[in-house]
PDB file of N, CA and C in Angstrom:
ATOM      1  N   MET A   1     -21.570  59.019  28.728  1.00  0.00           N
ATOM      2  CA  MET A   1     -21.914  57.255  28.176  1.00  0.00           C
ATOM      3  C   MET A   1     -21.554  56.986  26.849  1.00  0.00           C
ATOM      4  N   ALA A   2     -21.265  57.870  26.087  1.00  0.00           N
ATOM      5  CA  ALA A   2     -20.396  57.918  24.902  1.00  0.00           C
ATOM      6  C   ALA A   2     -19.389  57.107  25.522  1.00  0.00           C
ATOM      7  N   ALA A   3     -18.630  57.177  25.772  1.00  0.00           N
ATOM      8  CA  ALA A   3     -17.901  56.539  26.338  1.00  0.00           C
ATOM      9  C   ALA A   3     -17.792  55.056  27.041  1.00  0.00           C
ATOM     10  N   GLN A   4     -18.603  55.116  27.306  1.00  0.00           N
ATOM     11  CA  GLN A   4     -19.248  53.893  28.304  1.00  0.00           C
ATOM     12  C   GLN A   4     -19.867  52.764  27.364  1.00  0.00           C
ATOM     13  N   ASP A   5     -20.577  53.627  26.344  1.00  0.00           N
ATOM     14  CA  ASP A   5     -21.246  52.713  25.256  1.00  0.00           C
ATOM     15  C   ASP A   5     -20.625  52.353  23.863  1.00  0.00           C
ATOM     16  N   SER A   6     -18.969  52.732  24.134  1.00  0.00           N
ATOM     17  CA  SER A   6     -18.118  52.550  23.304  1.00  0.00           C
ATOM     18  C   SER A   6     -17.068  51.660  23.471  1.00  0.00           C
ATOM     19  N   MET A   7     -16.629  51.439  24.824  1.00  0.00           N
ATOM     20  CA  MET A   7     -16.218  50.509  25.634  1.00  0.00           C
ATOM     21  C   MET A   7     -17.014  49.223  25.706  1.00  0.00           C
ATOM     22  N   ASP A   8     -18.372  49.532  25.816  1.00  0.00           N
ATOM     23  CA  ASP A   8     -19.002  48.112  25.848  1.00  0.00           C
ATOM     24  C   ASP A   8     -18.688  47.450  24.472  1.00  0.00           C
ATOM     25  N   ALA A   9     -19.400  48.292  23.109  1.00  0.00           N
ATOM     26  CA  ALA A   9     -19.043  47.898  21.854  1.00  0.00           C
ATOM     27  C   ALA A   9     -17.460  47.214  21.542  1.00  0.00           C
ATOM     28  N   MET A  10     -16.450  47.891  22.106  1.00  0.00           N
ATOM     29  CA  MET A  10     -15.315  47.321  22.221  1.00  0.00           C
ATOM     30  C   MET A  10     -15.233  45.923  22.596  1.00  0.00           C
ATOM     31  N   LYS A  11     -15.951  45.977  23.564  1.00  0.00           N
ATOM     32  CA  LYS A  11     -16.010  44.765  24.455  1.00  0.00           C
ATOM     33  C   LYS A  11     -16.711  43.309  23.949  1.00  0.00           C
ATOM     34  N   LYS A  12     -17.514  43.923  23.090  1.00  0.00           N
ATOM     35  CA  LYS A  12     -18.711  43.109  22.698  1.00  0.00           C
ATOM     36  C   LYS A  12     -17.405  42.636  21.486  1.00  0.00           C
ATOM     37  N   GLU A  13     -16.931  43.353  20.745  1.00  0.00           N
ATOM     38  CA  GLU A  13     -16.458  42.665  19.239  1.00  0.00           C
ATOM     39  C   GLU A  13     -14.961  42.048  19.406  1.00  0.00           C
ATOM     40  N   LEU A  14     -14.370  42.499  20.785  1.00  0.00           N
ATOM     41  CA  LEU A  14     -13.629  41.537  21.559  1.00  0.00           C
ATOM     42  C   LEU A  14     -13.688  40.192  21.463  1.00  0.00           C
ATOM     43  N   ASP A  15     -14.624  40.226  21.923  1.00  0.00           N
ATOM     44  CA  ASP A  15     -14.928  38.956  22.331  1.00  0.00           C
ATOM     45  C   ASP A  15     -15.883  37.917  21.426  1.00  0.00           C
ATOM     46  N   SER A  16     -16.540  38.636  20.565  1.00  0.00           N
ATOM     47  CA  SER A  16     -16.850  38.156  19.161  1.00  0.00           C
ATOM     48  C   SER A  16     -15.168  37.822  18.347  1.00  0.00           C
ATOM     49  N   LEU A  17     -14.347  38.414  18.582  1.00  0.00           N
ATOM     50  CA  LEU A  17     -12.960  38.352  18.009  1.00  0.00           C
ATOM     51  C   LEU A  17     -12.516  36.947  18.166  1.00  0.00           C
ATOM     52  N   LYS A  18     -12.336  36.961  20.061  1.00  0.00           N
ATOM     53  CA  LYS A  18     -12.027  35.869  20.295  1.00  0.00           C
ATOM     54  C   LYS A  18     -12.656  34.186  19.806  1.00  0.00           C
ATOM     55  N   GLY A  19     -14.093  34.714  19.732  1.00  0.00           N
ATOM     56  CA  GLY A  19     -15.057  33.285  19.286  1.00  0.00           C
ATOM     57  C   GLY A  19     -14.337  32.963  17.792  1.00  0.00           C
ATOM     58  N   GLU A  20     -14.051  33.649  17.007  1.00  0.00           N
ATOM     59  CA  GLU A  20     -13.831  33.577  15.641  1.00  0.00           C
ATOM     60  C   GLU A  20     -12.167  33.021  15.832  1.00  0.00           C
ATOM     61  N   MET A  21     -11.369  33.625  16.844  1.00  0.00           N
ATOM     62  CA  MET A  21     -10.292  33.001  16.486  1.00  0.00           C
ATOM     63  C   MET A  21     -10.192  31.695  17.315  1.00  0.00           C
ATOM     64  N   LYS A  22     -11.044  31.395  18.397  1.00  0.00           N
ATOM     65  CA  LYS A  22     -10.925  30.251  18.427  1.00  0.00           C
ATOM     66  C   LYS A  22     -11.953  29.194  17.356  1.00  0.00           C
ATOM     67  N   ASP A  23     -12.709  29.594  16.702  1.00  0.00           N
ATOM     68  CA  ASP A  23     -13.225  28.802  15.478  1.00  0.00           C
ATOM     69  C   ASP A  23     -12.295  28.806  14.299  1.00  0.00           C
ATOM     70  N   LEU A  24     -11.335  29.539  14.199  1.00  0.00           N
ATOM     71  CA  LEU A  24     -10.394  29.139  13.540  1.00  0.00           C
ATOM     72  C   LEU A  24      -9.303  28.474  14.203  1.00  0.00           C
ATOM     73  N   VAL A  25      -8.623  28.077  15.235  1.00  0.00           N
ATOM     74  CA  VAL A  25      -8.099  27.553  15.854  1.00  0.00           C
ATOM     75  C   VAL A  25      -8.126  26.020  15.468  1.00  0.00           C
ATOM     76  N   ASN A  26      -9.582  25.434  15.790  1.00  0.00           N
ATOM     77  CA  ASN A  26      -9.669  24.391  15.718  1.00  0.00           C
ATOM     78  C   ASN A  26     -10.072  24.238  14.464  1.00  0.00           C
ATOM     79  N   SER A  27     -10.634  24.877  13.529  1.00  0.00           N
ATOM     80  CA  SER A  27     -10.502  24.209  12.111  1.00  0.00           C
ATOM     81  C   SER A  27      -9.054  23.996  11.730  1.00  0.00           C
ATOM     82  N   MET A  28      -8.246  24.776  12.135  1.00  0.00           N
ATOM     83  CA  MET A  28      -7.345  24.863  11.733  1.00  0.00           C
ATOM     84  C   MET A  28      -6.015  23.612  11.998  1.00  0.00           C
ATOM     85  N   LYS A  29      -6.578  23.000  13.494  1.00  0.00           N
ATOM     86  CA  LYS A  29      -6.563  22.043  14.292  1.00  0.00           C
ATOM     87  C   LYS A  29      -6.813  20.216  13.345  1.00  0.00           C
ATOM     88  N   SER A  30      -8.538  20.953  12.886  1.00  0.00           N
ATOM     89  CA  SER A  30      -9.184  19.914  12.025  1.00  0.00           C
ATOM     90  C   SER A  30      -8.235  19.507  10.769  1.00  0.00           C
ATOM     91  N   TYR A  31      -8.265  20.746  10.100  1.00  0.00           N
ATOM     92  CA  TYR A  31      -7.223  20.740   8.635  1.00  0.00           C
ATOM     93  C   TYR A  31      -6.275  19.853   8.583  1.00  0.00           C
ATOM     94  N   GLY A  32      -5.162  20.392   9.988  1.00  0.00           N
ATOM     95  CA  GLY A  32      -4.074  19.332   9.749  1.00  0.00           C
ATOM     96  C   GLY A  32      -4.163  18.136  10.176  1.00  0.00           C
ATOM     97  N   LYS A  33      -4.834  17.767  11.140  1.00  0.00           N
ATOM     98  CA  LYS A  33      -5.159  16.305  11.711  1.00  0.00           C
ATOM     99  C   LYS A  33      -5.428  15.409  10.322  1.00  0.00           C
ATOM    100  N   GLN A  34      -6.441  16.319   9.408  1.00  0.00           N
ATOM    101  CA  GLN A  34      -6.899  15.467   8.133  1.00  0.00           C
ATOM    102  C   GLN A  34      -5.982  15.554   7.397  1.00  0.00           C
ATOM    103  N   ALA A  35      -5.264  16.267   6.833  1.00  0.00           N
ATOM    104  CA  ALA A  35      -3.610  16.542   5.946  1.00  0.00           C
ATOM    105  C   ALA A  35      -2.835  14.973   6.942  1.00  0.00           C
ATOM    106  N   ILE A  36      -2.943  15.122   7.854  1.00  0.00           N
ATOM    107  CA  ILE A  36      -1.478  14.136   8.632  1.00  0.00           C
ATOM    108  C   ILE A  36      -2.214  12.862   8.330  1.00  0.00           C
ATOM    109  N   ASP A  37      -3.562  12.596   8.670  1.00  0.00           N
ATOM    110  CA  ASP A  37      -3.941  11.050   8.457  1.00  0.00           C
ATOM    111  C   ASP A  37      -3.737  10.791   6.766  1.00  0.00           C
ATOM    112  N   SER A  38      -4.136  12.056   6.239  1.00  0.00           N
ATOM    113  CA  SER A  38      -3.802  11.408   4.927  1.00  0.00           C
ATOM    114  C   SER A  38      -2.721  11.376   4.260  1.00  0.00           C
ATOM    115  N   GLY A  39      -1.413  11.699   5.153  1.00  0.00           N
ATOM    116  CA  GLY A  39      -0.095  11.629   4.399  1.00  0.00           C
ATOM    117  C   GLY A  39       0.464  10.155   5.405  1.00  0.00           C
ATOM    118  N   LYS A  40      -0.085   9.876   6.429  1.00  0.00           N
ATOM    119  CA  LYS A  40       0.025   8.211   6.934  1.00  0.00           C
ATOM    120  C   LYS A  40      -0.525   7.628   5.789  1.00  0.00           C
ATOM    121  N   GLU A  41      -1.713   7.995   5.551  1.00  0.00           N
ATOM    122  CA  GLU A  41      -2.313   6.973   4.432  1.00  0.00           C
ATOM    123  C   GLU A  41      -1.469   6.583   3.195  1.00  0.00           C
ATOM    124  N   LYS A  42      -1.057   7.670   2.599  1.00  0.00           N
ATOM    125  CA  LYS A  42      -0.256   7.806   1.262  1.00  0.00           C
ATOM    126  C   LYS A  42       1.532   6.779   1.902  1.00  0.00           C
ATOM    127  N   ILE A  43       1.734   7.150   2.814  1.00  0.00           N
ATOM    128  CA  ILE A  43       3.338   6.694   3.356  1.00  0.00           C
ATOM    129  C   ILE A  43       2.816   4.955   3.412  1.00  0.00           C
ATOM    130  N   THR A  44       2.022   4.716   4.362  1.00  0.00           N
ATOM    131  CA  THR A  44       1.355   3.576   4.413  1.00  0.00           C
ATOM    132  C   THR A  44       1.065   2.583   3.093  1.00  0.00           C
ATOM    133  N   ASP A  45       0.645   3.655   2.268  1.00  0.00           N
ATOM    134  CA  ASP A  45       0.182   2.760   1.062  1.00  0.00           C
ATOM    135  C   ASP A  45       1.432   2.623   0.141  1.00  0.00           C
ATOM    136  N   GLN A  46       2.623   3.076   0.146  1.00  0.00           N
ATOM    137  CA  GLN A  46       3.869   3.432  -0.480  1.00  0.00           C
ATOM    138  C   GLN A  46       4.425   2.245   0.178  1.00  0.00           C
ATOM    139  N   ILE A  47       4.782   2.368   1.109  1.00  0.00           N
ATOM    140  CA  ILE A  47       4.805   1.211   2.074  1.00  0.00           C
ATOM    141  C   ILE A  47       4.915  -0.400   1.538  1.00  0.00           C
ATOM    142  N   SER A  48       3.455  -0.427   1.249  1.00  0.00           N
ATOM    143  CA  SER A  48       2.778  -1.607   1.231  1.00  0.00           C
ATOM    144  C   SER A  48       2.823  -2.207  -0.344  1.00  0.00           C
ATOM    145  N   LEU A  49       3.502  -0.992  -0.935  1.00  0.00           N
ATOM    146  CA  LEU A  49       3.606  -1.067  -2.669  1.00  0.00           C
ATOM    147  C   LEU A  49       5.499  -1.612  -2.808  1.00  0.00           C
ATOM    148  N   ASP A  50       6.052  -1.238  -1.694  1.00  0.00           N
ATOM    149  CA  ASP A  50       7.245  -1.622  -2.184  1.00  0.00           C
ATOM    150  C   ASP A  50       7.428  -2.919  -1.427  1.00  0.00           C
ATOM    151  N   GLU A  51       6.887  -3.241  -0.317  1.00  0.00           N
ATOM    152  CA  GLU A  51       6.678  -4.466   0.530  1.00  0.00           C
ATOM    153  C   GLU A  51       6.421  -5.271  -0.772  1.00  0.00           C
ATOM    154  N   LEU A  52       5.037  -5.219  -1.650  1.00  0.00           N
ATOM    155  CA  LEU A  52       4.666  -5.765  -2.602  1.00  0.00           C
ATOM    156  C   LEU A  52       5.943  -6.216  -4.050  1.00  0.00           C
ATOM    157  N   GLN A  53       6.383  -5.395  -4.055  1.00  0.00           N
ATOM    158  CA  GLN A  53       7.717  -5.099  -5.052  1.00  0.00           C
ATOM    159  C   GLN A  53       8.585  -5.901  -4.635  1.00  0.00           C
ATOM    160  N   LYS A  54       8.989  -5.834  -3.515  1.00  0.00           N
ATOM    161  CA  LYS A  54      10.292  -6.567  -3.006  1.00  0.00           C
ATOM    162  C   LYS A  54       9.487  -8.149  -3.573  1.00  0.00           C
ATOM    163  N   THR A  55       8.330  -8.619  -2.651  1.00  0.00           N
ATOM    164  CA  THR A  55       7.857 -10.095  -2.750  1.00  0.00           C
ATOM    165  C   THR A  55       8.260 -10.577  -3.793  1.00  0.00           C
ATOM    166  N   LEU A  56       7.230  -9.650  -5.042  1.00  0.00           N
ATOM    167  CA  LEU A  56       7.022 -10.244  -6.339  1.00  0.00           C
ATOM    168  C   LEU A  56       8.788 -10.320  -6.701  1.00  0.00           C
ATOM    169  N   ASP A  57       9.547  -9.479  -6.716  1.00  0.00           N
ATOM    170  CA  ASP A  57      10.664  -9.678  -7.428  1.00  0.00           C
ATOM    171  C   ASP A  57      11.800 -10.728  -6.771  1.00  0.00           C
ATOM    172  N   GLU A  58      11.162 -11.135  -5.145  1.00  0.00           N
ATOM    173  CA  GLU A  58      12.029 -11.989  -4.913  1.00  0.00           C
ATOM    174  C   GLU A  58      11.160 -13.633  -5.450  1.00  0.00           C
ATOM    175  N   LEU A  59       9.878 -13.580  -5.887  1.00  0.00           N
ATOM    176  CA  LEU A  59       9.548 -15.025  -6.518  1.00  0.00           C
ATOM    177  C   LEU A  59       9.817 -14.740  -7.643  1.00  0.00           C
ATOM    178  N   LYS A  60      10.033 -13.682  -8.212  1.00  0.00           N
ATOM    179  CA  LYS A  60      10.166 -13.946  -9.727  1.00  0.00           C
ATOM    180  C   LYS A  60      11.608 -14.528  -9.624  1.00  0.00           C
ATOM    181  N   GLU A  61      12.522 -14.340  -9.048  1.00  0.00           N
ATOM    182  CA  GLU A  61      14.093 -14.817  -9.341  1.00  0.00           C
ATOM    183  C   GLU A  61      14.057 -16.239  -8.218  1.00  0.00           C
ATOM    184  N   LYS A  62      13.281 -16.618  -7.543  1.00  0.00           N
ATOM    185  CA  LYS A  62      12.919 -18.334  -6.904  1.00  0.00           C
ATOM    186  C   LYS A  62      12.361 -19.021  -8.279  1.00  0.00           C
ATOM    187  N   GLY A  63      11.600 -18.103  -8.811  1.00  0.00           N
ATOM    188  CA  GLY A  63      10.841 -18.661 -10.406  1.00  0.00           C
ATOM    189  C   GLY A  63      12.136 -19.094 -11.297  1.00  0.00           C
ATOM    190  N   LYS A  64      12.989 -17.880 -11.349  1.00  0.00           N
ATOM    191  CA  LYS A  64      14.455 -18.417 -12.560  1.00  0.00           C
ATOM    192  C   LYS A  64      14.776 -19.354 -11.814  1.00  0.00           C
ATOM    193  N   ASP A  65      15.251 -19.095 -10.661  1.00  0.00           N
ATOM    194  CA  ASP A  65      16.206 -20.612 -10.066  1.00  0.00           C
ATOM    195  C   ASP A  65      15.338 -21.711 -10.595  1.00  0.00           C
ATOM    196  N   GLY A  66      14.195 -21.819 -10.165  1.00  0.00           N
ATOM    197  CA  GLY A  66      13.688 -23.272 -10.366  1.00  0.00           C
ATOM    198  C   GLY A  66      13.861 -23.517 -11.954  1.00  0.00           C
ATOM    199  N   VAL A  67      13.605 -22.683 -12.791  1.00  0.00           N
ATOM    200  CA  VAL A  67      13.388 -22.772 -14.326  1.00  0.00           C
ATOM    201  C   VAL A  67      15.486 -23.267 -14.628  1.00  0.00           C
ATOM    202  N   HIS A  68      16.550 -22.339 -14.193  1.00  0.00           N
ATOM    203  CA  HIS A  68      17.745 -22.996 -14.176  1.00  0.00           C
ATOM    204  C   HIS A  68      17.815 -24.687 -13.873  1.00  0.00           C
ATOM    205  N   TYR A  69      17.291 -24.765 -12.594  1.00  0.00           N
ATOM    206  CA  TYR A  69      17.024 -26.424 -11.863  1.00  0.00           C
ATOM    207  C   TYR A  69      16.935 -27.312 -12.757  1.00  0.00           C
ATOM    208  N   VAL A  70      15.975 -26.875 -13.648  1.00  0.00           N
ATOM    209  CA  VAL A  70      14.670 -27.887 -14.778  1.00  0.00           C
ATOM    210  C   VAL A  70      15.777 -27.910 -15.623  1.00  0.00           C
ATOM    211  N   GLU A  71      16.481 -26.704 -16.155  1.00  0.00           N
ATOM    212  CA  GLU A  71      17.277 -26.563 -17.340  1.00  0.00           C
ATOM    213  C   GLU A  71      18.420 -27.872 -17.274  1.00  0.00           C
ATOM    214  N   LYS A  72      19.009 -27.802 -15.902  1.00  0.00           N
ATOM    215  CA  LYS A  72      20.650 -27.869 -15.569  1.00  0.00           C
ATOM    216  C   LYS A  72      19.912 -29.464 -15.631  1.00  0.00           C
ATOM    217  N   ASN A  73      18.903 -29.791 -14.954  1.00  0.00           N
ATOM    218  CA  ASN A  73      18.588 -31.413 -14.723  1.00  0.00           C
ATOM    219  C   ASN A  73      18.405 -31.989 -16.049  1.00  0.00           C
ATOM    220  N   ILE A  74      17.939 -31.152 -16.961  1.00  0.00           N
ATOM    221  CA  ILE A  74      17.714 -31.877 -18.292  1.00  0.00           C
ATOM    222  C   ILE A  74      18.975 -32.126 -19.334  1.00  0.00           C
ATOM    223  N   LYS A  75      19.809 -31.039 -18.735  1.00  0.00           N
ATOM    224  CA  LYS A  75      21.089 -31.186 -19.655  1.00  0.00           C
ATOM    225  C   LYS A  75      22.153 -32.495 -19.052  1.00  0.00           C
ATOM    226  N   ASP A  76      21.497 -32.521 -17.920  1.00  0.00           N
ATOM    227  CA  ASP A  76      22.633 -33.299 -17.262  1.00  0.00           C
ATOM    228  C   ASP A  76      22.109 -34.979 -17.541  1.00  0.00           C
ATOM    229  N   GLU A  77      20.810 -35.338 -17.830  1.00  0.00           N
ATOM    230  CA  GLU A  77      20.478 -36.189 -17.362  1.00  0.00           C
ATOM    231  C   GLU A  77      18.796 -36.492 -18.746  1.00  0.00           C
ATOM    232  N   PRO A  78      19.567 -36.534 -20.208  1.00  0.00           N
ATOM    233  CA  PRO A  78      18.317 -36.028 -20.920  1.00  0.00           C
ATOM    234  C   PRO A  78      17.635 -37.567 -21.269  1.00  0.00           C
ATOM    235  N   PHE A  79      18.018 -38.030 -21.078  1.00  0.00           N
ATOM    236  CA  PHE A  79      16.928 -39.672 -20.758  1.00  0.00           C
ATOM    237  C   PHE A  79      16.533 -39.979 -19.638  1.00  0.00           C
ATOM    238  N   LYS A  80      16.577 -39.380 -18.382  1.00  0.00           N
ATOM    239  CA  LYS A  80      15.464 -39.687 -17.834  1.00  0.00           C
ATOM    240  C   LYS A  80      14.628 -38.584 -17.642  1.00  0.00           C
ATOM    241  N   SER A  81      15.098 -37.242 -18.051  1.00  0.00           N
ATOM    242  CA  SER A  81      14.103 -36.165 -18.188  1.00  0.00           C
ATOM    243  C   SER A  81      12.866 -36.881 -19.768  1.00  0.00           C
ATOM    244  N   VAL A  82      13.267 -37.359 -20.545  1.00  0.00           N
ATOM    245  CA  VAL A  82      12.577 -38.050 -21.514  1.00  0.00           C
ATOM    246  C   VAL A  82      11.782 -39.210 -21.024  1.00  0.00           C
ATOM    247  N   GLY A  83      12.521 -39.993 -20.202  1.00  0.00           N
ATOM    248  CA  GLY A  83      11.744 -41.215 -19.605  1.00  0.00           C
ATOM    249  C   GLY A  83      10.418 -40.429 -18.823  1.00  0.00           C
ATOM    250  N   ILE A  84      10.567 -39.456 -18.117  1.00  0.00           N
ATOM    251  CA  ILE A  84       9.490 -38.929 -17.144  1.00  0.00           C
ATOM    252  C   ILE A  84       8.790 -38.340 -17.714  1.00  0.00           C
ATOM    253  N   THR A  85       8.892 -37.604 -18.932  1.00  0.00           N
ATOM    254  CA  THR A  85       7.710 -36.542 -19.320  1.00  0.00           C
ATOM    255  C   THR A  85       6.754 -37.610 -20.258  1.00  0.00           C
ATOM    256  N   LEU A  86       7.573 -38.708 -20.813  1.00  0.00           N
ATOM    257  CA  LEU A  86       6.689 -39.643 -21.101  1.00  0.00           C
ATOM    258  C   LEU A  86       5.834 -40.725 -20.342  1.00  0.00           C
ATOM    259  N   ALA A  87       5.686 -40.582 -19.360  1.00  0.00           N
ATOM    260  CA  ALA A  87       5.310 -41.337 -18.221  1.00  0.00           C
ATOM    261  C   ALA A  87       4.160 -40.400 -17.852  1.00  0.00           C
ATOM    262  N   VAL A  88       4.902 -39.057 -17.700  1.00  0.00           N
ATOM    263  CA  VAL A  88       3.674 -38.059 -17.296  1.00  0.00           C
ATOM    264  C   VAL A  88       2.306 -38.253 -18.996  1.00  0.00           C
ATOM    265  N   GLY A  89       2.903 -37.830 -19.530  1.00  0.00           N
ATOM    266  CA  GLY A  89       2.078 -38.276 -20.966  1.00  0.00           C
ATOM    267  C   GLY A  89       1.244 -39.065 -20.880  1.00  0.00           C
ATOM    268  N   PHE A  90       2.018 -40.065 -20.676  1.00  0.00           N
ATOM    269  CA  PHE A  90       0.681 -41.279 -20.563  1.00  0.00           C
ATOM    270  C   PHE A  90      -0.220 -41.532 -19.437  1.00  0.00           C
ATOM    271  N   VAL A  91       0.689 -41.153 -18.253  1.00  0.00           N
ATOM    272  CA  VAL A  91      -0.529 -41.410 -17.114  1.00  0.00           C
ATOM    273  C   VAL A  91      -1.917 -39.894 -17.588  1.00  0.00           C
ATOM    274  N   LEU A  92      -1.874 -38.509 -17.861  1.00  0.00           N
ATOM    275  CA  LEU A  92      -2.444 -37.809 -18.186  1.00  0.00           C
ATOM    276  C   LEU A  92      -2.893 -38.163 -19.590  1.00  0.00           C
ATOM    277  N   GLY A  93      -2.560 -38.646 -20.782  1.00  0.00           N
ATOM    278  CA  GLY A  93      -3.882 -39.567 -21.969  1.00  0.00           C
ATOM    279  C   GLY A  93      -4.804 -40.615 -20.825  1.00  0.00           C
ATOM    280  N   TRP A  94      -4.111 -41.263 -20.309  1.00  0.00           N
ATOM    281  CA  TRP A  94      -4.940 -42.261 -19.542  1.00  0.00           C
ATOM    282  C   TRP A  94      -5.874 -41.599 -18.834  1.00  0.00           C
ATOM    283  N   LEU A  95      -5.767 -40.792 -18.201  1.00  0.00           N
ATOM    284  CA  LEU A  95      -7.054 -40.099 -17.132  1.00  0.00           C
ATOM    285  C   LEU A  95      -7.489 -39.067 -17.818  1.00  0.00           C
ATOM    286  N   LEU A  96      -7.457 -38.901 -18.999  1.00  0.00           N
ATOM    287  CA  LEU A  96      -8.345 -37.624 -19.403  1.00  0.00           C
ATOM    288  C   LEU A  96      -9.094 -38.360 -20.494  1.00  0.00           C
ATOM    289  N   ARG A  97      -8.647 -39.866 -21.097  1.00  0.00           N
ATOM    290  CA  ARG A  97      -9.289 -40.782 -21.871  1.00  0.00           C
ATOM    291  C   ARG A  97     -10.436 -41.512 -21.124  1.00  0.00           C
ATOM    292  N   LYS A  98     -10.510 -41.485 -19.294  1.00  0.00           N
ATOM    293  CA  LYS A  98     -11.673 -42.221 -18.755  1.00  0.00           C
ATOM    294  C   LYS A  98     -12.381 -40.948 -18.375  1.00  0.00           C
TER     295      LYS A  98
END
């Protein structure tokens, strides 16, 4: 009888260990999934930041090109530039006065 009781106790202990192992494996899977999801978010955020930085750099370059274009036109045709500036100033003054 003692042997049978000992065997039954061992079976119960093994069943208990199996349950605990299943819980542990499920916990590890859950933790792994959370870690992967977190990693994906960080990578996605980094890609988005890289894309934003690239777009910002392109816009800065276009702005610089625009400034160089205006400077070149002012140097090439200074009287025309002064005339346009005077005309814009006159129109703005007239509009703001009303």
